[in-house]
Amino acid sequence: MQETFIEIKSLDADARGVGHLENEDGSQGKVVFVEDALPGERVSYEVKKKKKNWEAGSMVTLQRASSMRVEPRCEHFGYCGGCSMQHLEPTAQVAMKQRTLEDNLWHLSKVKAENIMRPMYGPTWGYRFRARLSVRHVAKKGTVLVGFHERASAFVADIKFCHILPPHLGAMLMPLRELIGSLSIYNGVPQIEVAVGEETTVLVLRIMAPLSNKDEELLKAFADQWGIQWWLQTKGPETVAPFYPLGKELYYTLPEFGVRMPFKPTDFTQVNHQINRALVHKALTLLEVQPNDRVADLFCGLGNFTLPLATQAREVVGIEGSAILSERALENAKANGLSEKTTFYTRNLFEATAEDLVALGRFDRMLIDPPRDGAIALVTALAELREGGHAEFLPQRIVYVSCGPSTLARDAGILVHRAGYVMKKAGVVNMFPHTSHVESIGVFELA
């Protein structure tokens, strides 16, 4: 059977190579997405899915390799779904993400930043301090699997070591398989949540049935051997509680600001501690906070940005949709001696209106750090302040931290085309090396 070769021109959001078939008349035909192919390469592929206007497949023959191609470090790459870009040189990964950000801004919203900042990046291995590991007993293999899912599959990948987890966790995967397999409820453990603090590593064991006395002894012995702490989750997230050993506390620090941030293993915190420190520094530098400023930190979570901001501003208002997180943020502010300069509210920012913003009062600066869905209601409310004749309530400068380039582009379009802002700067933050995930930051100034 004759192979069909195509030229790969770019990468898509899932790090698949993108090329086109050629029509009989020589014109460009349907688009093709090829797993593990890189821009500049010529490849043949096996079709996995075919539609009228596109095809998707896996690479069969690499006829011409990109100069950016490298040998993946992990033997499980291409099979495990935890990484999608290990075959691409790390600095080239960052460049690809920067291009993705710029393309999204322009093609989705016709926005161009006046200045493209240098990308932010750090260690490329052992960086993932947060993870959710799937667990499954596979009777046919006679073993328990612990790890990430297979690529584009609901099955758990049979991996022996993970290089993106901290080394002590990467080396723990096989012992964890043996441990779970020895429990009486080996068929009732669907996942293990991992959270690494500066002194403590917590594994949250999701259990669907009670532990036996023997199970508890096995878990305790494992904790003593590996220096970890077990928490148990019997139902929803509200049931998560420490099991063994007791008395340890998860926390991370932001030394530049003298902040110590306690957190629970199921709280949202950034997966990459080193990049988080750099991100907080960068965001506050870009916000250009002055001592008399009143600042809003929206989608504030535990106060990751709020507390550092409080060391620089006159007042910081943190707003979060979860009452539990708002209370935890206040506790953290008190623990760090910053409660007099911080106020926390529980508000649904996905339903924010212009009236809500007016009720909060004027802010000089605003930091927005939404989840992947973005902050369309919030930026629309800002636009409505402008359009409704209340521009005096608009902050002079906004720093928007994003975990989705398409939603940042959408929201940037509203800020620029309706709310009267100029996008001064934009850049990527490589929070998740070897994956296609694009974290970014944008700076907006009132025109």
Protein backbone atom coordinates (compact mmCIF):
# COMPACT_ATOMS: atom_id res chain seq x y z
CA MET A 1 0.00 0.00 0.00
CA GLN A 2 1.41 3.37 -1.04
CA GLU A 3 2.14 5.78 1.79
CA THR A 4 0.73 9.31 1.73
CA PHE A 5 3.24 11.95 2.80
CA ILE A 6 2.44 15.47 3.95
CA GLU A 7 4.39 18.52 5.06
CA ILE A 8 3.79 19.53 8.68
CA LYS A 9 3.35 23.30 9.00
CA SER A 10 2.36 23.86 12.64
CA LEU A 11 1.15 22.33 15.91
CA ASP A 12 -2.43 22.39 17.16
CA ALA A 13 -3.60 22.91 20.76
CA ASP A 14 -3.02 19.20 21.51
CA ALA A 15 0.57 19.29 20.13
CA ARG A 16 -0.36 17.34 17.01
CA GLY A 17 1.36 18.21 13.77
CA VAL A 18 -0.89 20.02 11.28
CA GLY A 19 -0.57 19.61 7.51
CA HIS A 20 -2.79 19.40 4.43
CA LEU A 21 -3.47 16.87 1.74
CA GLU A 22 -3.02 18.03 -1.83
CA ASN A 23 -5.94 18.01 -4.24
CA GLU A 24 -5.58 16.59 -7.77
CA ASP A 25 -5.29 20.12 -9.18
CA GLY A 26 -2.42 20.89 -6.80
CA SER A 27 -4.50 23.05 -4.48
CA GLN A 28 -4.57 22.64 -0.71
CA GLY A 29 -6.90 19.90 0.45
CA LYS A 30 -8.30 18.77 3.78
CA VAL A 31 -6.39 19.39 7.00
CA VAL A 32 -4.60 16.48 8.67
CA PHE A 33 -3.60 16.20 12.35
CA VAL A 34 -0.71 13.81 13.00
CA GLU A 35 0.37 12.74 16.49
CA ASP A 36 4.09 13.21 17.29
CA ALA A 37 4.84 15.10 14.05
CA LEU A 38 6.59 18.47 14.24
CA PRO A 39 6.60 21.60 12.06
CA GLY A 40 9.05 21.33 9.19
CA GLU A 41 8.80 17.56 9.00
CA ARG A 42 7.63 15.39 6.15
CA VAL A 43 5.74 12.34 7.37
CA SER A 44 3.35 9.61 6.41
CA TYR A 45 0.54 8.67 8.74
CA GLU A 46 -2.04 6.05 9.60
CA VAL A 47 -5.59 7.39 9.64
CA LYS A 48 -7.35 7.00 13.01
CA LYS A 49 -10.33 9.22 12.34
CA LYS A 50 -11.67 10.67 9.10
CA LYS A 51 -14.24 13.41 8.57
CA LYS A 52 -15.34 15.39 5.51
CA ASN A 53 -12.96 18.30 6.13
CA TRP A 54 -10.19 16.72 8.21
CA GLU A 55 -8.35 13.57 9.17
CA ALA A 56 -6.43 12.58 12.30
CA GLY A 57 -3.82 9.90 12.60
CA SER A 58 -0.53 8.70 13.98
CA MET A 59 2.86 9.05 12.30
CA VAL A 60 4.17 6.00 10.44
CA THR A 61 7.28 7.19 8.58
CA LEU A 62 9.43 10.19 9.40
CA GLN A 63 10.97 11.05 6.02
CA ARG A 64 12.48 14.38 7.07
CA ALA A 65 13.01 15.26 10.73
CA SER A 66 12.85 18.70 12.29
CA SER A 67 16.05 20.14 13.78
CA MET A 68 13.97 20.71 16.91
CA ARG A 69 13.24 17.00 17.39
CA VAL A 70 14.91 15.31 20.38
CA GLU A 71 14.82 11.84 21.87
CA PRO A 72 12.08 11.68 24.53
CA ARG A 73 13.49 11.08 28.00
CA CYS A 74 10.61 8.86 29.10
CA GLU A 75 10.23 5.35 27.70
CA HIS A 76 6.46 5.71 28.04
CA PHE A 77 6.20 8.80 25.82
CA GLY A 78 3.62 8.37 23.07
CA TYR A 79 1.72 5.85 25.16
CA CYS A 80 1.16 7.72 28.43
CA GLY A 81 -1.07 10.77 28.12
CA GLY A 82 0.78 12.77 30.78
CA CYS A 83 3.08 14.45 28.21
CA SER A 84 2.64 15.36 24.55
CA MET A 85 5.81 17.32 23.68
CA GLN A 86 8.82 15.42 25.00
CA HIS A 87 10.01 14.93 21.41
CA LEU A 88 10.35 18.71 20.99
CA GLU A 89 13.38 20.58 22.36
CA PRO A 90 12.29 22.47 25.54
CA THR A 91 13.04 26.01 24.32
CA ALA A 92 11.20 25.19 21.09
CA GLN A 93 8.22 24.06 23.18
CA VAL A 94 8.10 27.51 24.76
CA ALA A 95 8.41 29.22 21.38
CA MET A 96 5.49 27.15 20.07
CA LYS A 97 3.38 28.18 23.05
CA GLN A 98 4.27 31.84 22.49
CA ARG A 99 3.13 31.54 18.88
CA THR A 100 -0.10 29.88 20.02
CA LEU A 101 -0.80 32.82 22.31
CA GLU A 102 -0.11 35.42 19.63
CA ASP A 103 -2.17 33.53 17.03
CA ASN A 104 -5.12 33.25 19.41
CA LEU A 105 -5.02 36.96 20.27
CA TRP A 106 -4.99 38.01 16.64
CA HIS A 107 -7.21 35.42 14.96
CA LEU A 108 -9.88 35.31 17.67
CA SER A 109 -10.01 38.97 18.69
CA LYS A 110 -7.80 41.03 16.37
CA VAL A 111 -5.64 42.06 19.34
CA LYS A 112 -1.87 42.53 19.26
CA ALA A 113 0.16 43.25 22.36
CA GLU A 114 2.45 46.25 22.01
CA ASN A 115 5.26 44.23 23.54
CA ILE A 116 5.86 40.46 23.65
CA MET A 117 7.62 39.59 26.89
CA ARG A 118 10.32 36.99 27.21
CA PRO A 119 8.75 33.64 28.14
CA MET A 120 8.95 32.50 31.74
CA TYR A 121 10.28 28.99 32.26
CA GLY A 122 12.08 26.90 34.85
CA PRO A 123 12.98 23.23 35.44
CA THR A 124 11.67 20.90 32.76
CA TRP A 125 11.74 17.72 34.88
CA GLY A 126 10.51 16.90 38.37
CA TYR A 127 8.36 20.03 38.42
CA ARG A 128 4.87 18.62 38.98
CA PHE A 129 4.10 19.06 42.67
CA ARG A 130 0.37 18.48 42.13
CA ALA A 131 -1.13 15.52 40.27
CA ARG A 132 -4.10 13.19 40.18
CA LEU A 133 -3.02 9.61 39.63
CA SER A 134 -5.60 7.15 38.37
CA VAL A 135 -5.68 3.67 39.92
CA ARG A 136 -7.12 0.55 38.35
CA HIS A 137 -6.90 -3.16 39.08
CA VAL A 138 -6.48 -4.99 35.77
CA ALA A 139 -7.39 -8.63 36.23
CA LYS A 140 -5.94 -9.69 32.85
CA LYS A 141 -2.54 -8.34 33.86
CA GLY A 142 -2.87 -9.51 37.43
CA THR A 143 -1.75 -6.15 38.75
CA VAL A 144 -2.82 -2.69 39.85
CA LEU A 145 -1.87 0.25 37.62
CA VAL A 146 -1.09 3.68 39.08
CA GLY A 147 -0.42 6.66 36.84
CA PHE A 148 -1.89 8.88 34.15
CA HIS A 149 -4.31 7.76 31.47
CA GLU A 150 -3.11 6.38 28.18
CA ARG A 151 -3.09 8.94 25.39
CA ALA A 152 -6.67 9.68 24.24
CA SER A 153 -8.00 6.78 26.32
CA ALA A 154 -9.84 6.01 29.53
CA PHE A 155 -7.36 3.22 30.31
CA VAL A 156 -4.62 3.77 32.89
CA ALA A 157 -1.13 3.67 31.39
CA ASP A 158 1.19 0.90 32.57
CA ILE A 159 4.12 3.12 33.60
CA LYS A 160 6.97 2.35 35.95
CA PHE A 161 8.45 5.81 36.52
CA CYS A 162 7.42 9.40 35.83
CA HIS A 163 10.03 12.08 35.10
CA ILE A 164 7.74 15.10 35.47
CA LEU A 165 6.87 14.19 39.07
CA PRO A 166 9.46 15.00 41.77
CA PRO A 167 11.98 12.11 41.82
CA HIS A 168 10.77 10.65 45.11
CA LEU A 169 7.22 10.47 43.70
CA GLY A 170 8.30 9.17 40.31
CA ALA A 171 10.09 6.31 42.05
CA MET A 172 7.02 5.58 44.18
CA LEU A 173 4.73 4.40 41.35
CA MET A 174 5.74 0.73 41.40
CA PRO A 175 5.70 0.47 45.24
CA LEU A 176 2.25 2.11 45.18
CA ARG A 177 1.04 -0.53 42.74
CA GLU A 178 2.22 -3.26 45.10
CA LEU A 179 0.69 -1.53 48.11
CA ILE A 180 -2.76 -1.03 46.56
CA GLY A 181 -2.71 -4.61 45.27
CA SER A 182 -2.14 -5.86 48.83
CA LEU A 183 -5.15 -4.00 50.27
CA SER A 184 -8.45 -5.79 50.87
CA ILE A 185 -10.18 -3.01 48.87
CA TYR A 186 -7.76 -3.11 45.90
CA ASN A 187 -10.77 -2.92 43.57
CA GLY A 188 -12.18 0.12 45.38
CA VAL A 189 -9.38 2.67 45.03
CA PRO A 190 -10.01 4.80 41.91
CA GLN A 191 -7.43 7.55 42.39
CA ILE A 192 -4.63 9.05 44.45
CA GLU A 193 -4.31 12.83 44.70
CA VAL A 194 -0.72 14.04 45.13
CA ALA A 195 0.27 17.29 46.84
CA VAL A 196 3.86 18.22 47.69
CA GLY A 197 4.65 21.01 50.12
CA GLU A 198 8.01 22.32 51.24
CA GLU A 199 8.34 19.78 54.06
CA THR A 200 5.52 17.30 53.49
CA THR A 201 4.25 15.05 50.71
CA VAL A 202 0.57 14.10 50.99
CA LEU A 203 -1.16 11.27 49.14
CA VAL A 204 -4.96 11.42 49.27
CA LEU A 205 -6.35 7.91 48.88
CA ARG A 206 -9.87 7.82 47.44
CA ILE A 207 -11.55 4.75 48.92
CA MET A 208 -14.95 3.30 48.00
CA ALA A 209 -15.11 0.92 50.99
CA PRO A 210 -13.83 0.91 54.59
CA LEU A 211 -10.24 -0.07 55.30
CA SER A 212 -9.56 -3.19 57.33
CA ASN A 213 -7.19 -3.15 60.29
CA LYS A 214 -4.61 -4.88 58.10
CA ASP A 215 -5.07 -2.22 55.40
CA GLU A 216 -4.42 0.54 57.93
CA GLU A 217 -1.24 -1.19 59.10
CA LEU A 218 -0.01 -1.46 55.50
CA LEU A 219 -0.69 2.22 54.81
CA LYS A 220 1.11 3.29 57.97
CA ALA A 221 4.14 1.15 57.19
CA PHE A 222 4.28 2.62 53.66
CA ALA A 223 4.08 6.17 55.05
CA ASP A 224 6.94 5.48 57.45
CA GLN A 225 9.07 3.91 54.72
CA TRP A 226 8.56 6.62 52.10
CA GLY A 227 8.20 9.66 54.37
CA ILE A 228 4.73 10.64 53.15
CA GLN A 229 1.45 11.47 54.87
CA TRP A 230 -1.81 9.70 54.01
CA TRP A 231 -5.15 11.48 53.81
CA LEU A 232 -8.36 9.59 53.07
CA GLN A 233 -11.36 10.57 50.96
CA THR A 234 -14.47 8.46 51.42
CA LYS A 235 -16.96 10.48 49.34
CA GLY A 236 -16.83 14.07 48.04
CA PRO A 237 -13.98 16.58 48.54
CA GLU A 238 -15.51 17.67 51.85
CA THR A 239 -14.69 14.25 53.33
CA VAL A 240 -10.92 14.56 52.82
CA ALA A 241 -9.15 14.19 56.18
CA PRO A 242 -5.65 13.32 57.45
CA PHE A 243 -5.07 9.69 58.38
CA TYR A 244 -1.38 9.06 59.18
CA PRO A 245 0.87 10.49 60.46
CA LEU A 246 -0.97 13.39 62.07
CA GLY A 247 0.40 16.80 62.96
CA LYS A 248 2.07 17.69 59.64
CA GLU A 249 1.15 20.77 57.62
CA LEU A 250 1.28 21.34 53.87
CA TYR A 251 2.55 24.78 52.90
CA TYR A 252 4.58 26.66 50.35
CA THR A 253 6.39 29.96 50.72
CA LEU A 254 6.84 33.14 48.72
CA PRO A 255 10.13 34.28 50.30
CA GLU A 256 10.33 37.55 48.35
CA PHE A 257 7.21 38.74 50.18
CA GLY A 258 7.70 36.92 53.49
CA VAL A 259 4.54 34.88 52.91
CA ARG A 260 3.92 31.34 54.17
CA MET A 261 0.86 29.74 52.58
CA PRO A 262 -0.71 26.67 54.25
CA PHE A 263 -2.99 24.61 52.01
CA LYS A 264 -4.95 21.38 51.99
CA PRO A 265 -4.08 18.66 49.48
CA THR A 266 -7.31 19.18 47.53
CA ASP A 267 -7.03 22.99 47.41
CA PHE A 268 -6.14 24.56 44.10
CA THR A 269 -2.47 25.53 44.08
CA GLN A 270 -0.10 25.85 41.14
CA VAL A 271 1.60 22.58 40.19
CA ASN A 272 5.00 24.19 39.69
CA HIS A 273 6.30 25.92 42.84
CA GLN A 274 9.32 27.57 41.23
CA ILE A 275 7.30 29.01 38.36
CA ASN A 276 4.60 30.14 40.78
CA ARG A 277 7.15 32.23 42.68
CA ALA A 278 8.37 33.75 39.42
CA LEU A 279 4.79 34.33 38.27
CA VAL A 280 3.81 36.17 41.46
CA HIS A 281 6.92 38.36 41.17
CA LYS A 282 6.22 39.09 37.49
CA ALA A 283 2.52 39.83 37.99
CA LEU A 284 3.16 42.29 40.80
CA THR A 285 5.97 43.97 38.87
CA LEU A 286 3.70 44.39 35.85
CA LEU A 287 0.83 45.70 37.97
CA GLU A 288 3.08 48.56 39.16
CA VAL A 289 1.35 48.80 42.54
CA GLN A 290 1.82 52.07 44.43
CA PRO A 291 1.68 52.37 48.27
CA ASN A 292 -1.66 54.22 48.22
CA ASP A 293 -3.35 51.93 45.70
CA ARG A 294 -6.55 49.99 46.30
CA VAL A 295 -6.19 46.70 44.44
CA ALA A 296 -8.63 43.94 43.48
CA ASP A 297 -7.50 40.31 43.26
CA LEU A 298 -10.29 38.47 41.44
CA PHE A 299 -10.55 34.67 41.57
CA CYS A 300 -8.14 34.99 44.49
CA GLY A 301 -8.25 31.40 45.79
CA LEU A 302 -6.15 31.01 48.94
CA GLY A 303 -4.55 34.42 48.46
CA ASN A 304 -1.58 33.44 46.27
CA PHE A 305 -1.48 36.96 44.81
CA THR A 306 -3.55 38.76 47.47
CA LEU A 307 -1.07 38.43 50.30
CA PRO A 308 2.00 39.55 48.31
CA LEU A 309 -0.08 42.46 46.99
CA ALA A 310 -0.93 43.42 50.57
CA THR A 311 2.77 43.94 51.29
CA GLN A 312 2.82 46.68 48.63
CA ALA A 313 -0.65 48.30 48.47
CA ARG A 314 -2.79 50.31 50.87
CA GLU A 315 -5.69 47.83 50.58
CA VAL A 316 -6.34 44.60 48.70
CA VAL A 317 -9.78 43.10 48.13
CA GLY A 318 -9.79 39.39 47.29
CA ILE A 319 -12.88 37.87 45.69
CA GLU A 320 -13.48 34.15 45.26
CA GLY A 321 -16.53 32.08 44.36
CA SER A 322 -16.07 29.54 47.15
CA ALA A 323 -16.93 30.59 50.71
CA ILE A 324 -14.54 27.94 52.05
CA LEU A 325 -11.64 29.37 50.03
CA SER A 326 -12.53 32.93 51.03
CA GLU A 327 -12.40 31.90 54.69
CA ARG A 328 -9.12 30.08 54.15
CA ALA A 329 -7.65 33.15 52.44
CA LEU A 330 -8.63 35.28 55.43
CA GLU A 331 -7.00 32.76 57.78
CA ASN A 332 -3.83 32.92 55.70
CA ALA A 333 -3.89 36.72 55.79
CA LYS A 334 -4.17 36.63 59.60
CA ALA A 335 -1.37 34.07 59.88
CA ASN A 336 0.89 36.35 57.83
CA GLY A 337 -0.03 39.54 59.71
CA LEU A 338 -1.81 41.04 56.69
CA SER A 339 -5.46 40.95 57.74
CA GLU A 340 -5.67 44.71 58.32
CA LYS A 341 -4.81 45.37 54.69
CA THR A 342 -6.98 42.66 53.14
CA THR A 343 -10.71 42.08 52.75
CA PHE A 344 -12.23 38.93 51.26
CA TYR A 345 -15.65 38.49 49.69
CA THR A 346 -17.45 35.46 48.32
CA ARG A 347 -18.98 36.37 44.95
CA ASN A 348 -19.85 34.46 41.79
CA LEU A 349 -17.60 36.27 39.33
CA PHE A 350 -19.05 34.27 36.45
CA GLU A 351 -22.19 36.34 36.94
CA ALA A 352 -20.54 39.69 37.71
CA THR A 353 -22.33 42.83 36.53
CA ALA A 354 -21.37 46.47 36.18
CA GLU A 355 -23.54 47.20 39.23
CA ASP A 356 -21.54 44.68 41.26
CA LEU A 357 -18.29 46.42 40.36
CA VAL A 358 -19.69 49.85 41.27
CA ALA A 359 -20.81 48.47 44.64
CA LEU A 360 -17.25 47.32 45.36
CA GLY A 361 -15.90 50.82 44.77
CA ARG A 362 -13.08 52.02 42.57
CA PHE A 363 -9.85 50.07 42.27
CA ASP A 364 -6.58 51.54 41.05
CA ARG A 365 -5.26 48.17 39.90
CA MET A 366 -6.86 44.81 39.21
CA LEU A 367 -5.41 41.30 38.99
CA ILE A 368 -7.55 38.66 37.30
CA ASP A 369 -6.61 34.97 37.58
CA PRO A 370 -9.61 32.94 36.37
CA PRO A 371 -9.91 29.22 35.65
CA ARG A 372 -9.76 27.93 32.09
CA ASP A 373 -13.25 29.25 31.25
CA GLY A 374 -11.90 32.77 31.56
CA ALA A 375 -13.67 35.85 32.90
CA ILE A 376 -16.13 36.89 30.21
CA ALA A 377 -18.82 38.16 32.61
CA LEU A 378 -16.26 40.23 34.50
CA VAL A 379 -14.65 41.85 31.46
CA THR A 380 -18.09 42.44 29.96
CA ALA A 381 -19.05 44.25 33.19
CA LEU A 382 -15.93 46.41 32.81
CA ALA A 383 -16.96 47.19 29.22
CA GLU A 384 -20.45 48.12 30.40
CA LEU A 385 -18.95 50.57 32.90
CA ARG A 386 -17.29 52.33 29.97
CA GLU A 387 -20.36 52.17 27.75
CA GLY A 388 -22.69 53.21 30.54
CA GLY A 389 -20.78 56.38 31.42
CA HIS A 390 -19.08 55.06 34.56
CA ALA A 391 -15.50 54.95 33.32
CA GLU A 392 -14.32 56.42 36.62
CA PHE A 393 -14.74 52.94 38.13
CA LEU A 394 -12.33 51.33 35.66
CA PRO A 395 -8.92 50.40 37.10
CA GLN A 396 -6.00 52.09 35.40
CA ARG A 397 -4.10 48.85 34.93
CA ILE A 398 -5.13 45.18 34.74
CA VAL A 399 -2.89 42.12 34.85
CA TYR A 400 -4.67 39.03 33.57
CA VAL A 401 -3.14 35.61 34.38
CA SER A 402 -4.59 32.97 32.09
CA CYS A 403 -4.52 29.18 31.78
CA GLY A 404 -6.27 29.20 28.39
CA PRO A 405 -5.00 31.26 25.42
CA SER A 406 -8.35 31.18 23.61
CA THR A 407 -10.29 32.55 26.59
CA LEU A 408 -7.61 35.18 27.23
CA ALA A 409 -7.91 36.21 23.58
CA ARG A 410 -11.70 36.40 23.83
CA ASP A 411 -11.56 38.48 27.02
CA ALA A 412 -8.76 40.66 25.65
CA GLY A 413 -10.99 41.50 22.70
CA ILE A 414 -13.67 42.83 25.04
CA LEU A 415 -11.19 44.82 27.13
CA VAL A 416 -9.57 46.37 24.05
CA HIS A 417 -12.52 46.89 21.70
CA ARG A 418 -15.19 47.79 24.25
CA ALA A 419 -13.70 48.73 27.62
CA GLY A 420 -11.08 51.15 26.29
CA TYR A 421 -7.90 49.31 27.23
CA VAL A 422 -4.66 48.82 25.31
CA MET A 423 -2.86 45.49 25.58
CA LYS A 424 0.58 46.68 26.56
CA LYS A 425 2.31 43.34 27.07
CA ALA A 426 1.74 39.60 26.74
CA GLY A 427 3.83 36.49 27.23
CA VAL A 428 3.72 32.82 28.09
CA VAL A 429 4.51 31.07 31.35
CA ASN A 430 5.74 27.50 30.90
CA MET A 431 3.99 26.10 33.96
CA PHE A 432 3.64 22.61 32.39
CA PRO A 433 6.76 21.62 30.39
CA HIS A 434 6.36 18.77 27.87
CA THR A 435 2.60 19.36 27.64
CA SER A 436 0.61 21.53 25.26
CA HIS A 437 -0.90 23.50 28.15
CA VAL A 438 -0.34 27.25 27.65
CA GLU A 439 -0.27 29.51 30.70
CA SER A 440 0.06 33.20 29.86
CA ILE A 441 -0.08 36.71 31.21
CA GLY A 442 -1.44 39.93 29.69
CA VAL A 443 -1.14 43.58 30.76
CA PHE A 444 -3.88 46.09 29.97
CA GLU A 445 -3.70 49.88 30.42
CA LEU A 446 -6.52 52.40 30.06
CA ALA A 447 -6.04 54.32 26.82
